[in-house]
């Protein structure tokens, strides 16, 4: 499987006052907008455990079927529409992106 699992990770957070609205929008609107893009296989969201204020509270992990699919994602109409919606809503949900990066699987072990 090495070499064909590709992910993009977005680390983000919101303010405590807007957190419920942020999570609703992110899970029910933002992420589903990406699924019109055929190269996206899976999207998962994670919430940080504990109170480490030095790390982002939320991670979104997007999995792609190929390097070409990952490379084409940011150029896709689905991504463009999601970014446009994000620009309109980011202040209302107090969205702060801490960082984003893409990774390719080197190895995977399983019990």
C-alpha atoms as a PDB file:
ATOM      1  CA  UNK A   1       0.000   0.000   0.000  1.00  0.00           C
ATOM      2  CA  UNK A   2       2.975   2.324   0.457  1.00  0.00           C
ATOM      3  CA  UNK A   3       3.076   5.133  -2.061  1.00  0.00           C
ATOM      4  CA  UNK A   4      -0.621   5.319  -2.849  1.00  0.00           C
ATOM      5  CA  UNK A   5      -2.168   6.699   0.348  1.00  0.00           C
ATOM      6  CA  UNK A   6      -2.165  10.484   0.249  1.00  0.00           C
ATOM      7  CA  UNK A   7      -3.658  12.835   2.801  1.00  0.00           C
ATOM      8  CA  UNK A   8      -4.142  16.528   3.302  1.00  0.00           C
ATOM      9  CA  UNK A   9      -4.467  17.704   6.909  1.00  0.00           C
ATOM     10  CA  UNK A  10      -5.996  20.997   8.022  1.00  0.00           C
ATOM     11  CA  UNK A  11      -5.518  22.019  11.661  1.00  0.00           C
ATOM     12  CA  UNK A  12      -8.052  24.583  12.825  1.00  0.00           C
ATOM     13  CA  UNK A  13     -10.015  25.980  15.719  1.00  0.00           C
ATOM     14  CA  UNK A  14     -12.734  28.400  16.677  1.00  0.00           C
ATOM     15  CA  UNK A  15     -13.631  30.478  19.695  1.00  0.00           C
ATOM     16  CA  UNK A  16     -15.569  28.826  22.536  1.00  0.00           C
ATOM     17  CA  UNK A  17     -18.601  31.041  21.790  1.00  0.00           C
ATOM     18  CA  UNK A  18     -18.737  29.951  18.143  1.00  0.00           C
ATOM     19  CA  UNK A  19     -17.522  26.373  18.507  1.00  0.00           C
ATOM     20  CA  UNK A  20     -20.901  24.628  18.088  1.00  0.00           C
ATOM     21  CA  UNK A  21     -21.694  26.696  14.985  1.00  0.00           C
ATOM     22  CA  UNK A  22     -18.171  26.116  13.638  1.00  0.00           C
ATOM     23  CA  UNK A  23     -18.492  22.323  14.043  1.00  0.00           C
ATOM     24  CA  UNK A  24     -21.952  22.233  12.486  1.00  0.00           C
ATOM     25  CA  UNK A  25     -20.780  24.254   9.484  1.00  0.00           C
ATOM     26  CA  UNK A  26     -17.514  22.328   9.065  1.00  0.00           C
ATOM     27  CA  UNK A  27     -19.090  18.854   9.299  1.00  0.00           C
ATOM     28  CA  UNK A  28     -22.449  19.511   7.626  1.00  0.00           C
ATOM     29  CA  UNK A  29     -21.562  22.111   4.975  1.00  0.00           C
ATOM     30  CA  UNK A  30     -17.835  22.610   4.370  1.00  0.00           C
ATOM     31  CA  UNK A  31     -16.606  19.010   4.165  1.00  0.00           C
ATOM     32  CA  UNK A  32     -19.624  17.730   2.169  1.00  0.00           C
ATOM     33  CA  UNK A  33     -18.951  20.424  -0.460  1.00  0.00           C
ATOM     34  CA  UNK A  34     -15.691  18.638  -1.310  1.00  0.00           C
ATOM     35  CA  UNK A  35     -17.325  15.284  -2.065  1.00  0.00           C
ATOM     36  CA  UNK A  36     -18.345  16.264  -5.573  1.00  0.00           C
ATOM     37  CA  UNK A  37     -14.626  15.912  -6.332  1.00  0.00           C
ATOM     38  CA  UNK A  38     -14.169  12.328  -7.504  1.00  0.00           C
ATOM     39  CA  UNK A  39     -10.564  11.957  -6.312  1.00  0.00           C
ATOM     40  CA  UNK A  40     -11.468  12.500  -2.656  1.00  0.00           C
ATOM     41  CA  UNK A  41     -11.932   9.107  -0.969  1.00  0.00           C
ATOM     42  CA  UNK A  42     -12.583  10.011   2.665  1.00  0.00           C
ATOM     43  CA  UNK A  43     -12.740  12.967   5.018  1.00  0.00           C
ATOM     44  CA  UNK A  44     -12.412  12.606   8.775  1.00  0.00           C
ATOM     45  CA  UNK A  45     -12.487  15.150  11.577  1.00  0.00           C
ATOM     46  CA  UNK A  46     -10.775  14.834  14.929  1.00  0.00           C
ATOM     47  CA  UNK A  47     -10.987  16.816  18.164  1.00  0.00           C
ATOM     48  CA  UNK A  48      -7.929  17.237  20.379  1.00  0.00           C
ATOM     49  CA  UNK A  49      -7.920  15.373  23.664  1.00  0.00           C
ATOM     50  CA  UNK A  50      -6.805  17.477  26.610  1.00  0.00           C
ATOM     51  CA  UNK A  51      -6.121  21.167  27.018  1.00  0.00           C
ATOM     52  CA  UNK A  52      -2.844  21.730  25.144  1.00  0.00           C
ATOM     53  CA  UNK A  53      -3.376  25.275  23.907  1.00  0.00           C
ATOM     54  CA  UNK A  54      -0.230  25.041  21.765  1.00  0.00           C
ATOM     55  CA  UNK A  55      -1.865  22.635  19.335  1.00  0.00           C
ATOM     56  CA  UNK A  56      -4.916  23.077  17.132  1.00  0.00           C
ATOM     57  CA  UNK A  57      -8.183  21.847  18.627  1.00  0.00           C
ATOM     58  CA  UNK A  58      -9.427  20.219  15.391  1.00  0.00           C
ATOM     59  CA  UNK A  59      -7.914  18.255  12.524  1.00  0.00           C
ATOM     60  CA  UNK A  60      -9.583  17.495   9.229  1.00  0.00           C
ATOM     61  CA  UNK A  61      -7.924  14.713   7.251  1.00  0.00           C
ATOM     62  CA  UNK A  62      -8.754  14.330   3.578  1.00  0.00           C
ATOM     63  CA  UNK A  63      -7.680  11.106   1.827  1.00  0.00           C
ATOM     64  CA  UNK A  64      -7.061  10.978  -1.925  1.00  0.00           C
ATOM     65  CA  UNK A  65      -6.917   8.098  -4.379  1.00  0.00           C
ATOM     66  CA  UNK A  66      -3.759   9.272  -6.195  1.00  0.00           C
ATOM     67  CA  UNK A  67      -1.110  11.983  -6.388  1.00  0.00           C
ATOM     68  CA  UNK A  68      -2.938  13.374  -9.410  1.00  0.00           C
ATOM     69  CA  UNK A  69      -6.172  13.570  -7.422  1.00  0.00           C
ATOM     70  CA  UNK A  70      -4.444  15.402  -4.565  1.00  0.00           C
ATOM     71  CA  UNK A  71      -2.728  17.794  -6.984  1.00  0.00           C
ATOM     72  CA  UNK A  72      -5.995  18.505  -8.819  1.00  0.00           C
ATOM     73  CA  UNK A  73      -8.067  19.078  -5.687  1.00  0.00           C
ATOM     74  CA  UNK A  74      -7.116  22.749  -5.161  1.00  0.00           C
ATOM     75  CA  UNK A  75      -7.897  23.453  -8.845  1.00  0.00           C
ATOM     76  CA  UNK A  76     -11.305  21.771  -8.781  1.00  0.00           C
ATOM     77  CA  UNK A  77     -14.664  23.604  -8.942  1.00  0.00           C
ATOM     78  CA  UNK A  78     -15.690  21.822  -5.725  1.00  0.00           C
ATOM     79  CA  UNK A  79     -12.699  23.224  -3.860  1.00  0.00           C
ATOM     80  CA  UNK A  80     -13.337  26.677  -5.344  1.00  0.00           C
ATOM     81  CA  UNK A  81     -16.976  26.631  -4.199  1.00  0.00           C
ATOM     82  CA  UNK A  82     -15.969  25.515  -0.689  1.00  0.00           C
ATOM     83  CA  UNK A  83     -13.369  28.289  -0.460  1.00  0.00           C
ATOM     84  CA  UNK A  84     -15.936  30.847  -1.617  1.00  0.00           C
ATOM     85  CA  UNK A  85     -18.382  29.637   1.049  1.00  0.00           C
ATOM     86  CA  UNK A  86     -15.565  29.651   3.638  1.00  0.00           C
ATOM     87  CA  UNK A  87     -14.695  33.266   2.828  1.00  0.00           C
ATOM     88  CA  UNK A  88     -18.327  34.264   3.445  1.00  0.00           C
ATOM     89  CA  UNK A  89     -18.655  32.339   6.719  1.00  0.00           C
ATOM     90  CA  UNK A  90     -15.211  32.297   8.365  1.00  0.00           C
ATOM     91  CA  UNK A  91     -15.883  35.274  10.644  1.00  0.00           C
ATOM     92  CA  UNK A  92     -19.352  34.038  11.622  1.00  0.00           C
ATOM     93  CA  UNK A  93     -17.900  30.712  12.796  1.00  0.00           C
ATOM     94  CA  UNK A  94     -14.611  32.231  14.063  1.00  0.00           C
ATOM     95  CA  UNK A  95     -12.527  29.872  11.908  1.00  0.00           C
ATOM     96  CA  UNK A  96      -8.780  29.999  12.446  1.00  0.00           C
ATOM     97  CA  UNK A  97      -6.520  27.759  10.376  1.00  0.00           C
ATOM     98  CA  UNK A  98      -3.436  26.859  12.387  1.00  0.00           C
ATOM     99  CA  UNK A  99      -1.677  24.967   9.584  1.00  0.00           C
ATOM    100  CA  UNK A 100      -2.228  22.677   6.615  1.00  0.00           C
ATOM    101  CA  UNK A 101      -0.004  20.113   4.893  1.00  0.00           C
ATOM    102  CA  UNK A 102      -0.115  17.131   2.558  1.00  0.00           C
ATOM    103  CA  UNK A 103       1.537  13.769   3.203  1.00  0.00           C
ATOM    104  CA  UNK A 104       2.228  10.539   1.338  1.00  0.00           C
ATOM    105  CA  UNK A 105       2.205   7.219   3.174  1.00  0.00           C
ATOM    106  CA  UNK A 106       5.635   5.660   3.704  1.00  0.00           C
ATOM    107  CA  UNK A 107       4.565   2.555   5.586  1.00  0.00           C
ATOM    108  CA  UNK A 108       1.635   1.248   7.576  1.00  0.00           C
ATOM    109  CA  UNK A 109       1.676  -1.408  10.265  1.00  0.00           C
ATOM    110  CA  UNK A 110      -1.357  -3.145  11.623  1.00  0.00           C
ATOM    111  CA  UNK A 111      -1.884  -5.620  14.419  1.00  0.00           C
END
